Every structure is written in C-alpha cells, then in structure tokens.
Protein backbone atom coordinates (compact mmCIF):
# COMPACT_ATOMS: atom_id res chain seq x y z
CA MET A 1 0.07 0.02 0.14
CA ALA A 2 1.71 3.39 -0.91
CA ARG A 3 1.92 6.33 1.56
CA GLU A 4 -0.34 8.19 0.50
CA ASP A 5 -2.99 5.79 1.25
CA TYR A 6 -2.33 6.71 5.23
CA GLU A 7 -3.15 9.54 7.09
CA ALA A 8 -1.88 11.18 10.33
CA VAL A 9 -3.89 12.46 12.91
CA MET A 10 -2.47 14.02 15.68
CA GLY A 11 -2.86 15.52 18.73
CA LEU A 12 -0.83 18.72 20.93
CA GLU A 13 -0.49 18.90 24.69
CA VAL A 14 0.89 22.63 25.22
CA HIS A 15 2.49 23.70 28.00
CA SER A 16 3.20 27.11 28.95
CA GLU A 17 4.79 28.65 31.75
CA LEU A 18 2.49 31.88 33.09
CA SER A 19 4.10 34.89 33.74
CA THR A 20 3.66 35.28 37.71
CA LYS A 21 5.70 37.04 39.63
CA THR A 22 5.93 33.75 41.87
CA LYS A 23 5.73 30.24 41.72
CA ILE A 24 2.57 28.67 41.62
CA PHE A 25 2.21 27.54 45.80
CA CYS A 26 4.78 29.39 47.32
CA SER A 27 6.39 33.24 47.26
CA CYS A 28 9.82 32.04 45.29
CA PRO A 29 10.25 34.45 41.85
CA THR A 30 10.33 32.51 38.37
CA LYS A 31 12.65 34.68 36.73
CA PHE A 32 14.17 32.55 34.24
CA GLY A 33 18.27 32.10 33.75
CA ALA A 34 19.12 32.75 38.16
CA GLU A 35 22.12 30.99 39.61
CA PRO A 36 21.03 27.39 40.32
CA ASN A 37 18.49 26.71 43.31
CA THR A 38 18.60 30.35 44.30
CA GLN A 39 14.58 30.94 43.57
CA THR A 40 13.77 28.04 46.11
CA CYS A 41 12.15 27.73 49.74
CA PRO A 42 11.06 24.67 51.76
CA ILE A 43 7.99 24.73 49.81
CA CYS A 44 8.81 24.00 46.33
CA MET A 45 11.55 21.66 47.48
CA ALA A 46 9.43 19.82 49.23
CA MET A 47 10.44 20.18 53.09
CA PRO A 48 8.73 17.57 55.42
CA GLY A 49 5.64 19.69 56.98
CA THR A 50 5.33 22.36 54.71
CA LEU A 51 2.11 23.08 52.85
CA PRO A 52 1.15 24.87 49.20
CA VAL A 53 -0.62 27.85 48.80
CA LEU A 54 -2.45 28.58 45.13
CA ASN A 55 -1.23 31.25 43.91
CA GLU A 56 -4.50 33.49 42.56
CA LYS A 57 -2.87 35.22 39.65
CA VAL A 58 -2.68 32.04 38.47
CA VAL A 59 -6.46 31.05 38.17
CA GLU A 60 -6.79 34.02 37.05
CA TYR A 61 -4.43 34.15 34.06
CA ALA A 62 -5.61 30.09 33.14
CA VAL A 63 -9.28 31.51 32.75
CA LYS A 64 -7.67 34.02 30.84
CA ALA A 65 -6.40 30.94 28.46
CA GLY A 66 -9.68 29.39 28.11
CA LEU A 67 -11.96 32.71 27.41
CA ALA A 68 -9.41 33.73 24.86
CA THR A 69 -9.72 29.88 23.37
CA ASN A 70 -13.63 29.82 23.61
CA CYS A 71 -13.41 27.38 26.56
CA LYS A 72 -16.03 27.10 28.96
CA ILE A 73 -14.62 27.50 32.58
CA SER A 74 -15.66 25.60 35.22
CA ARG A 75 -17.10 27.00 38.26
CA ASP A 76 -16.31 23.97 40.74
CA SER A 77 -12.88 22.94 39.90
CA LYS A 78 -10.29 21.26 42.07
CA ASN A 79 -6.07 20.03 42.18
CA ASP A 80 -5.61 16.51 42.39
CA ARG A 81 -1.64 14.97 42.77
CA LYS A 82 -0.09 12.95 39.93
CA ASN A 83 2.12 10.36 41.63
CA TYR A 84 5.50 9.67 39.40
CA PHE A 85 8.75 10.08 40.68
CA TYR A 86 11.57 11.58 38.55
CA PRO A 87 14.93 13.15 40.09
CA ASP A 88 14.17 16.99 39.65
CA LEU A 89 10.42 16.58 41.02
CA PRO A 90 11.00 16.56 44.92
CA LYS A 91 8.00 15.28 46.06
CA SER A 92 7.72 12.63 43.88
CA TYR A 93 3.84 14.01 42.38
CA GLN A 94 2.81 16.77 40.93
CA ILE A 95 0.41 19.03 41.74
CA SER A 96 -1.83 18.87 38.82
CA GLN A 97 -5.60 18.74 38.05
CA TYR A 98 -7.18 15.44 36.40
CA ASP A 99 -11.03 15.01 36.43
CA LYS A 100 -12.29 18.75 36.92
CA PRO A 101 -10.05 21.18 34.85
CA LEU A 102 -10.93 24.82 34.54
CA CYS A 103 -11.48 25.04 31.02
CA GLU A 104 -12.98 22.06 28.96
CA LYS A 105 -14.61 21.84 25.22
CA GLY A 106 -12.81 25.46 23.57
CA TYR A 107 -11.57 25.81 20.34
CA ILE A 108 -9.08 28.12 17.89
CA GLU A 109 -9.44 28.47 14.65
CA ILE A 110 -6.48 28.05 11.54
CA GLU A 111 -5.67 28.57 7.95
CA VAL A 112 -3.65 26.68 5.79
CA ASN A 113 -3.22 26.87 2.31
CA GLY A 114 -6.47 29.69 2.65
CA ASN A 115 -8.70 27.08 4.13
CA LYS A 116 -10.03 27.89 7.72
CA LYS A 117 -10.80 24.48 10.13
CA LYS A 118 -11.52 24.71 13.99
CA ILE A 119 -9.18 22.89 16.16
CA GLY A 120 -10.99 21.64 19.53
CA ILE A 121 -9.46 21.55 22.97
CA THR A 122 -10.49 19.49 24.90
CA ARG A 123 -9.04 21.31 28.47
CA ILE A 124 -6.93 23.42 30.05
CA HIS A 125 -5.64 22.61 33.18
CA ILE A 126 -3.09 24.31 35.89
CA GLU A 127 -0.08 22.68 37.48
CA GLU A 128 3.60 22.99 38.59
CA ASP A 129 6.64 22.23 36.50
CA ALA A 130 9.30 20.28 37.74
CA GLY A 131 12.80 20.84 38.19
CA LYS A 132 16.20 20.55 36.14
CA LEU A 133 18.70 18.33 35.72
CA ASN A 134 21.68 19.59 34.29
CA HIS A 135 23.99 17.17 33.06
CA ASP A 136 27.81 17.04 33.57
CA GLU A 137 29.19 15.16 31.42
CA LEU A 138 33.02 15.62 32.72
CA GLY A 139 31.72 14.26 35.77
CA GLY A 140 29.29 11.59 34.53
CA GLY A 141 26.79 12.87 36.74
CA SER A 142 23.44 15.14 36.69
CA LEU A 143 23.07 18.15 38.79
CA VAL A 144 19.83 18.88 40.18
CA ASP A 145 18.43 22.91 39.55
CA LEU A 146 15.06 23.43 41.32
CA ASN A 147 14.78 26.53 40.28
CA ARG A 148 12.09 25.28 37.88
CA ALA A 149 10.07 23.44 40.34
CA GLY A 150 6.49 25.04 41.26
CA VAL A 151 6.58 27.37 38.76
CA PRO A 152 3.30 27.48 36.96
CA LEU A 153 1.97 25.98 34.18
CA ILE A 154 -1.44 26.12 32.12
CA GLU A 155 -1.52 22.35 29.87
CA ILE A 156 -3.27 22.76 26.79
CA VAL A 157 -4.75 19.57 25.45
CA SER A 158 -5.97 19.79 21.84
CA GLU A 159 -8.13 17.49 20.47
CA PRO A 160 -6.69 14.93 17.83
CA ASP A 161 -7.48 17.43 14.67
CA LEU A 162 -4.63 18.01 13.25
CA ARG A 163 -4.05 15.83 9.86
CA SER A 164 -0.31 17.58 8.21
CA THR A 165 2.99 19.60 9.98
CA GLU A 166 1.50 22.11 8.23
CA GLU A 167 -1.49 22.12 10.65
CA VAL A 168 -0.15 21.62 13.54
CA GLU A 169 2.56 24.86 12.65
CA ALA A 170 -0.53 27.18 12.47
CA TYR A 171 -2.21 25.78 15.43
CA LEU A 172 0.99 26.01 17.72
CA LYS A 173 1.77 29.73 16.22
CA LYS A 174 -1.86 30.87 16.16
CA LEU A 175 -2.26 29.67 20.33
CA LYS A 176 1.39 31.09 20.90
CA SER A 177 0.18 34.64 19.30
CA ILE A 178 -3.50 34.42 21.83
CA LEU A 179 -1.57 33.28 24.81
CA GLU A 180 0.93 36.98 23.88
CA TYR A 181 -1.97 38.97 23.18
CA ILE A 182 -3.28 38.28 26.45
CA GLU A 183 -0.64 38.81 28.46
CA VAL A 184 -0.62 35.37 30.19
CA SER A 185 2.82 34.32 28.92
CA ASP A 186 6.02 35.48 27.29
CA CYS A 187 5.59 32.00 25.01
CA LYS A 188 9.93 31.78 25.04
CA MET A 189 10.61 29.05 23.07
CA GLN A 190 13.92 28.97 23.24
CA GLU A 191 13.70 29.34 27.01
CA GLY A 192 11.00 26.36 27.35
CA SER A 193 8.64 28.25 28.58
CA PHE A 194 6.25 26.97 25.32
CA ARG A 195 6.40 24.19 24.46
CA ALA A 196 4.88 20.49 23.34
CA ASP A 197 4.02 17.30 23.56
CA VAL A 198 3.29 15.67 20.15
CA ASN A 199 1.62 12.83 19.79
CA VAL A 200 0.85 10.95 16.64
CA SER A 201 -0.57 8.33 14.94
CA VAL A 202 -1.26 6.86 11.18
CA ARG A 203 -4.37 4.93 9.86
CA LYS A 204 -5.60 4.38 6.46
CA LYS A 205 -7.33 7.30 4.52
CA GLY A 206 -11.00 5.87 5.28
CA ASP A 207 -10.81 4.41 8.66
CA THR A 208 -12.68 6.00 11.13
CA LYS A 209 -10.54 4.65 14.03
CA LEU A 210 -7.83 5.97 15.36
CA GLY A 211 -3.96 4.57 15.12
CA THR A 212 -1.97 3.55 17.97
CA ARG A 213 -0.50 6.63 18.83
CA THR A 214 3.34 7.42 20.13
CA GLU A 215 4.08 10.59 22.07
CA MET A 216 7.09 12.82 21.26
CA LYS A 217 8.19 15.16 24.75
CA ASN A 218 9.19 18.56 25.32
CA MET A 219 9.83 20.29 22.08
CA ASN A 220 10.49 23.51 21.78
CA SER A 221 10.76 24.60 18.62
CA PHE A 222 8.96 24.85 15.39
CA ARG A 223 11.78 23.58 13.09
CA SER A 224 12.04 20.24 15.66
CA ILE A 225 8.48 19.60 16.15
CA THR A 226 7.82 19.94 11.88
CA ARG A 227 11.09 17.51 11.45
CA GLY A 228 10.08 15.39 14.45
CA ILE A 229 6.09 14.57 13.18
CA GLU A 230 7.39 14.21 9.35
CA TYR A 231 9.90 11.16 10.62
CA GLU A 232 7.39 9.46 13.24
CA ILE A 233 4.56 9.76 10.24
CA GLU A 234 6.69 7.56 7.85
CA ARG A 235 8.45 5.23 10.45
CA GLN A 236 5.35 4.20 11.93
CA ILE A 237 3.93 3.69 8.10
CA ASP A 238 7.25 1.87 7.57
CA VAL A 239 6.29 -0.53 10.39
CA LEU A 240 2.53 -0.99 9.33
CA GLU A 241 3.56 -1.73 5.76
CA ASN A 242 6.03 -4.31 7.08
CA GLY A 243 3.47 -6.28 8.77
CA GLY A 244 4.55 -4.95 12.61
CA THR A 245 2.39 -3.27 15.05
CA VAL A 246 2.84 0.37 16.41
CA GLU A 247 4.13 0.22 20.21
CA GLN A 248 2.22 2.91 22.20
CA GLU A 249 5.44 4.75 24.16
CA THR A 250 7.09 8.34 25.18
CA LEU A 251 9.52 9.19 22.59
CA ARG A 252 12.71 11.78 22.08
CA TRP A 253 12.97 13.75 19.05
CA ASP A 254 16.83 13.76 18.76
CA ASP A 255 17.70 17.11 16.68
CA VAL A 256 20.96 16.10 15.30
CA SER A 257 20.14 12.60 14.28
CA GLY A 258 17.01 13.48 12.78
CA ARG A 259 15.42 10.21 14.70
CA THR A 260 12.59 9.11 17.16
CA PHE A 261 14.26 7.31 20.72
CA SER A 262 12.12 5.24 23.04
CA MET A 263 12.12 6.73 26.31
CA ARG A 264 9.97 4.41 28.50
CA ASP A 265 6.11 2.40 27.30
CA LYS A 266 3.43 5.01 27.59
CA GLU A 267 1.71 6.11 30.81
CA ASP A 268 -2.16 5.80 31.34
CA ALA A 269 -3.89 7.73 33.82
CA GLN A 270 -4.10 5.05 36.33
CA ASP A 271 -0.32 4.39 36.01
CA TYR A 272 -0.41 7.99 37.77
CA ARG A 273 -2.48 6.92 40.80
CA TYR A 274 -4.60 10.33 40.42
CA PHE A 275 -6.37 12.00 43.78
CA PRO A 276 -7.66 15.07 44.96
CA GLU A 277 -4.57 17.15 46.87
CA PRO A 278 -5.61 17.15 50.41
CA ASP A 279 -3.99 20.25 51.70
CA LEU A 280 -5.39 22.81 48.54
CA VAL A 281 -9.23 23.63 49.24
CA ALA A 282 -11.73 23.28 45.48
CA ILE A 283 -11.57 26.07 43.16
CA LYS A 284 -14.87 27.77 42.93
CA LEU A 285 -15.65 30.57 40.72
CA SER A 286 -18.30 33.18 40.97
CA GLU A 287 -20.02 34.11 37.68
CA GLU A 288 -19.10 37.69 38.36
CA TYR A 289 -15.26 36.95 38.55
CA ILE A 290 -15.67 34.94 35.50
CA GLN A 291 -17.58 37.97 33.64
CA ASN A 292 -14.75 40.60 34.75
CA ILE A 293 -11.87 38.75 33.55
CA LYS A 294 -13.87 38.51 30.63
CA ASN A 295 -14.12 42.18 30.41
CA THR A 296 -10.05 43.13 30.67
CA LEU A 297 -9.26 40.62 27.70
CA PRO A 298 -7.54 42.84 25.32
CA GLU A 299 -8.08 42.68 21.56
CA LEU A 300 -6.83 39.19 20.26
CA PRO A 301 -5.53 38.77 16.59
CA GLU A 302 -8.09 38.63 14.56
CA SER A 303 -9.70 41.41 15.44
CA ARG A 304 -6.41 43.39 15.73
CA LYS A 305 -5.87 41.86 11.82
CA LYS A 306 -9.16 43.38 11.07
CA ARG A 307 -9.07 46.75 12.18
CA TYR A 308 -5.39 46.84 10.11
CA LEU A 309 -7.58 45.72 7.09
CA GLU A 310 -9.83 48.57 7.38
CA GLU A 311 -7.66 51.23 9.36
CA TYR A 312 -4.56 51.11 8.13
CA LYS A 313 -5.57 49.13 3.97
CA LEU A 314 -2.51 46.44 4.80
CA SER A 315 -2.81 44.00 2.59
CA GLU A 316 -4.16 40.32 4.30
CA LYS A 317 -0.78 38.87 3.87
CA ASP A 318 0.85 41.53 5.43
CA ALA A 319 -1.93 41.91 8.12
CA LYS A 320 -1.37 38.27 9.54
CA ILE A 321 2.03 38.85 9.49
CA ILE A 322 1.91 41.59 11.97
CA THR A 323 -0.52 40.42 14.19
CA SER A 324 0.81 36.98 14.09
CA SER A 325 3.10 38.20 17.16
CA LYS A 326 2.23 40.56 19.78
CA TYR A 327 5.20 42.11 20.09
CA LEU A 328 5.54 42.47 16.25
CA SER A 329 2.25 44.26 16.19
CA ASP A 330 3.15 46.66 19.45
CA LEU A 331 6.20 47.68 17.68
CA PHE A 332 4.09 48.82 14.38
CA GLU A 333 0.79 50.21 16.33
CA GLY A 334 4.05 52.53 18.39
CA ALA A 335 5.94 53.58 15.54
CA ILE A 336 2.36 55.04 13.46
CA LYS A 337 2.02 57.09 16.63
CA VAL A 338 5.29 58.78 16.14
CA CYS A 339 5.62 58.86 12.47
CA LYS A 340 2.64 58.64 11.28
CA ASN A 341 2.94 56.69 8.37
CA PRO A 342 1.47 53.20 8.72
CA LYS A 343 2.58 52.29 4.95
CA ALA A 344 6.23 52.65 5.64
CA VAL A 345 6.38 51.00 9.01
CA ASN A 346 4.29 47.83 7.24
CA ASN A 347 7.20 47.97 4.90
CA LEU A 348 10.20 47.66 6.99
CA ILE A 349 8.70 45.21 9.43
CA ILE A 350 7.60 43.01 6.43
CA SER A 351 10.82 43.27 4.67
CA ASP A 352 13.75 44.30 6.35
CA ILE A 353 12.78 43.23 9.93
CA SER A 354 11.68 39.65 9.09
CA ARG A 355 14.36 39.04 7.49
CA ILE A 356 16.91 40.31 10.13
CA LEU A 357 14.37 37.88 12.51
CA HIS A 358 15.10 35.21 10.26
CA GLU A 359 18.49 35.47 9.73
CA THR A 360 19.65 36.05 13.19
CA GLU A 361 16.70 33.12 14.11
CA ILE A 362 15.91 35.07 17.18
CA GLU A 363 12.00 35.40 18.25
CA PRO A 364 10.08 38.96 18.09
CA ILE A 365 9.99 39.75 21.62
CA GLU A 366 13.91 39.88 21.42
CA ILE A 367 13.75 42.99 19.18
CA PRO A 368 16.08 45.34 20.81
CA PHE A 369 14.74 48.43 19.87
CA ASP A 370 11.65 50.27 20.75
CA SER A 371 8.72 51.61 18.35
CA ASN A 372 10.02 55.26 19.41
CA GLN A 373 13.24 54.46 17.68
CA LEU A 374 11.47 52.86 14.93
CA GLY A 375 9.21 55.50 14.08
CA LYS A 376 12.21 58.05 14.38
CA LEU A 377 14.20 56.01 11.29
CA VAL A 378 10.90 56.12 9.61
CA ILE A 379 10.85 60.33 9.78
CA LEU A 380 14.50 60.83 8.48
CA LEU A 381 13.67 58.56 5.24
CA ASP A 382 10.44 60.61 4.84
CA LYS A 383 12.59 63.85 5.14
CA GLY A 384 15.16 62.70 2.72
CA THR A 385 17.76 63.12 5.33
CA ILE A 386 18.75 59.35 4.05
CA SER A 387 18.37 57.34 1.60
CA SER A 388 16.60 53.84 1.55
CA SER A 389 19.91 52.21 1.29
CA ILE A 390 21.27 53.87 4.43
CA GLY A 391 17.54 52.94 6.12
CA LYS A 392 18.40 49.39 6.12
CA LYS A 393 22.39 50.53 7.80
CA VAL A 394 20.44 51.77 10.24
CA LEU A 395 18.27 48.95 10.93
CA GLU A 396 21.05 46.58 11.15
CA GLU A 397 22.93 48.99 13.73
CA LEU A 398 19.48 49.32 15.92
CA PHE A 399 19.41 45.70 16.33
CA GLU A 400 23.03 45.78 16.84
CA ASN A 401 22.99 48.83 19.18
CA PRO A 402 20.01 49.84 19.45
CA ARG A 403 19.98 54.20 20.45
CA ASP A 404 18.69 57.10 18.69
CA PRO A 405 18.69 57.16 14.84
CA GLU A 406 19.45 60.29 14.44
CA GLU A 407 22.56 59.90 16.92
CA ILE A 408 23.53 57.06 14.52
CA ILE A 409 23.64 59.01 11.08
CA GLN A 410 25.39 61.51 12.36
CA GLU A 411 28.14 59.48 14.06
CA LYS A 412 28.28 57.24 11.30
CA GLY A 413 28.78 60.30 8.99
CA TRP A 414 25.26 58.82 6.73
CA ILE A 415 23.26 62.13 6.28
CA GLN A 416 21.77 62.14 2.99
CA ILE A 417 23.73 64.38 0.39
CA SER A 418 20.71 66.72 -1.35
CA ASP A 419 22.84 69.45 -2.48
CA GLU A 420 22.25 69.86 -6.39
CA GLY A 421 25.92 71.40 -6.94
CA GLN A 422 27.38 68.75 -5.01
CA ILE A 423 24.81 65.78 -7.18
CA ARG A 424 25.53 67.47 -10.42
CA GLN A 425 29.39 66.95 -10.05
CA ILE A 426 28.72 63.13 -8.60
CA VAL A 427 26.46 62.75 -11.84
CA GLN A 428 29.50 64.32 -14.33
CA LYS A 429 32.23 62.22 -13.06
CA ILE A 430 29.72 59.39 -13.40
CA LEU A 431 28.95 59.93 -16.76
CA GLU A 432 32.71 60.83 -17.94
CA LYS A 433 34.36 57.29 -16.71
CA ASN A 434 31.10 55.31 -18.57
CA PRO A 435 30.50 56.79 -22.16
CA GLN A 436 28.71 53.16 -22.94
CA SER A 437 26.58 53.33 -20.82
CA VAL A 438 25.21 56.87 -21.47
CA ALA A 439 25.31 55.58 -25.37
CA ASP A 440 22.70 52.57 -24.81
CA TYR A 441 20.75 54.58 -23.01
CA LYS A 442 20.76 57.10 -25.70
CA SER A 443 20.10 53.88 -27.85
CA GLY A 444 16.78 53.21 -25.97
CA LYS A 445 17.96 50.59 -23.49
CA ASP A 446 16.40 51.88 -20.31
CA ARG A 447 18.31 49.57 -17.66
CA ALA A 448 21.78 51.62 -18.38
CA LEU A 449 19.89 54.36 -16.13
CA GLY A 450 19.61 52.07 -13.29
CA PHE A 451 23.36 50.79 -13.77
CA LEU A 452 24.31 54.92 -13.93
CA VAL A 453 22.30 55.61 -10.56
CA GLY A 454 23.95 52.59 -8.85
CA GLN A 455 27.47 54.42 -9.87
CA ALA A 456 26.76 57.06 -8.24
CA MET A 457 25.11 55.75 -5.00
CA LYS A 458 28.19 52.97 -5.03
CA GLU A 459 30.37 56.39 -5.06
CA THR A 460 28.63 58.26 -2.00
CA LYS A 461 28.02 55.20 -0.19
CA GLY A 462 24.59 55.09 -0.49
CA LYS A 463 24.14 58.44 0.49
CA ALA A 464 23.47 60.44 -2.37
CA ASN A 465 19.80 61.00 -3.17
CA PRO A 466 18.39 58.74 -5.73
CA GLN A 467 15.65 61.20 -6.70
CA LEU A 468 18.12 63.68 -7.31
CA LEU A 469 20.61 61.85 -9.27
CA ASN A 470 17.63 60.10 -11.33
CA LYS A 471 16.32 63.94 -11.99
CA MET A 472 19.73 65.06 -13.03
CA PHE A 473 20.62 61.77 -15.31
CA LEU A 474 18.18 62.50 -17.29
CA GLU A 475 18.97 66.07 -17.58
CA GLU A 476 22.59 65.80 -18.19
CA MET A 477 21.62 62.78 -21.33
CA LYS A 478 19.18 64.72 -23.00
C-alpha cells in the first residue's frame, strides 16, 4: 500500500509557563536564568511539614486563556496529585488537575492554504513545573536545579483534529500568539516557556478508528516539531507496511540524528494514581469573577488583523504577518504614533525586520529597539535625511546597538546628500567614466540609467538622494 493511502492524526499537549512574578504554591520568584537553586524555599523543595498555597494569579491567567480560546470555564474545579518519580520532582508527585480542569471544550481557528479549520481544545488545566537536570558530562553525573520547580504552567490539550505538519504549525503559532496577546505567558520557546508534547498516529484513509499513538515529549521549536512529526509518520507507516504493530510509547526526538528514540512505555491515567490534593481547597469561581476577567480581555489577533485591514489598508498577507506576534504588532502601532506613516512602518517590518529576525533566528520579543526608535527612522526616511539604502544600515545598527537613529546617522556620517550642486558634480563624474552606458541609454536601453544611478550611489556610499540622481542624469543625457 502506498504512503498516500495513509493519513496522520495528531493532537498536542502544550505546556506554557505563566508570567506570574511568583511560583504557583509559594512566594519564590520565577525569573529565568538565575543561578541554580537560588529561587527555592522549603515549599518548592518539598521539605517535610510544608504546605502549598495556591497563587490566585495563576487561576486568573488560566481563566483568561480559556476565555480567549472559546472554552467553558468550570465554576467548581480542584487540584489533584499526579504521582510519579523523577529526580527533579522533589515531592515525587506533581500537583495538577485531573477530572475537574478549569477550562474545557474550546477551540481555535487556523488557516492553511486559504482553508479555515477549527481545532478543538479538550481542556486547559493548571499545574506546577518540575525542576531541571543539568547533565555534567565531565563528572559523569547530573545536577538538579530546582529554580523551575513550582513555576506555574497551563497545559492546553487539543483534540486529535490535526492532519498535517502545516496544520500543527499553524495551530501552535496561533495559540502562541493568543497567549502573548492576553499577556499570560511570554512564550519564549528557547527558554522552555512554550513547549509541546506531540501525539502522532497513522491510519488508512477512510478509517474512522484511531491508530496507536506515540508521544514525543517537550519539543520547543517549530522546526524540531515539524521534523519530528514527518519522521514519526514515516516510521509508523514503515512498521505497518512491514506487518508490524505500532507500540504506544513515549519518545525523545533527537534533532542531530533526525530520529526518535524510545524513552518508556506510555503511561495511562491509572499509572499516575491520581487523587484529590488534600492540602488545597476546591477552586470555586463566581459568575462575577469570570465576567470581570472577560471584560479585561485585550484585543485578540483576529480582531486586530481586521482593524489593520480597514484602518491602515494593509494587505491580507501583511496584516496576518504583523498580527501573528503581539510584539511585532505593538512595534507597528507604536511606530505609527510617532511617524504617522503606517505604510512605511509596514514595509520595514515585512521586509527588513522580518529578514533580520529570520537570519539571526531571534523571536520578535527579543527585538532590542523600541517603537519610538523605529518611528524616528521612518521620519528620517520621509524627510529625505537618509536614503532607503542607508535606512537599511540604520536598522541593522538598531539591532546591534539600539539608540536614537539621529545619533546613529550623525555618528556614522550617513546624512543624505541633497545639495543639487554636489549631486550634479557626482553625476557628471559618473557620466565621464561610463560613456558606453550613456550611449546604451540614448539607444533606448533604459536599464543603463539604473546602472549609472547605482554607480553614483556606490561613489557616495549610499548617501546621494536617489530622486535627485535620477532627475539630474536625465537632464545631463538629453
């Protein structure tokens, strides 16, 4: 049977660390990157006799995420103990939620190749993160850092509605964008604050019964997730085509070798021996509490995209790119307030800023300059103080060493030459050096003009006013 006779069925369990100042059950800070074991206390280190106290902000943020993803919010919820041993889980159980999660039965809408599709969300629940093992290759052992133990998480479990890597990526990007907009998580994938467990199974097209699924754990880059899924789909089809049976198991994706490796048999709920957390009271939410959170929800990506189409006349494609990230969108709006030129700001973000983000592999949240500096750059371009080619250089400088664009062009000597006498001298010099191009232009080869302007820009290191150059070349070659 050919590979195209199979279809993949996927569901995701996304873990997103919440942007609270303190942990879920104690007052330890949650700042990323601190020295190991400096953000701990007897509670998150599971010392005997300590008791957890639920951080109310965690509940608020989880409800916010539920409302933004069209979930039903539970008025009566509780915490449970999920029992398992792991070296960086000092209690040997995790406080999570089992049969009464805070949020259920939601969805988000994605768009792939122009087709819209709703992806169901089974549940969103709160839980604590585990610590982290730092493997010491020289010493041959592992060291435990408990700074992350007790950092609050929401786990967002999707329905098995995803059928392709394109749909998975669109779903993750949309979900990440929503969480950024409602400001419950910074979603920094490189720091592990937005990561996914990916459940993959395959079945013959037309079958309604789900195949046996495998789970790839803790994947925190879109590239790894896409590669991992593609490999696992092929692997499972090979197993079935060779008469084998896919085993339900937990896998580890190795990005270097491009393969999955078995970690353990997949646990079922009974393996975790869930039972209600006896040290925490039930979570009971009033209608007023939920409504108040609903009233404070900010503008979400779809709404903002629609506004950009109407208010700023952006193209569908550009509006989608800019609103896909709250940080890009905020940069766009802030810069417009400074320069009053949405089209120019849009062009810079879509072309040069997006290119630099791609080349440097950094997230929009890591853009080092602010909207005020971007707006000032557009003003300098609009005034003709600098050329578009110099504008690109200024933007690169803003990424490397952010400061006032005016200061950059003064320091680098990048102010545009707009003096007509000076420009004419440059034009005459270029014409003398390139008689063949002059002859080509006069014989009807319009591209020769572009070459001459390019030579003048090269001569002035990009500082000559291109409009004046064009005008004077035409005058001199009459």
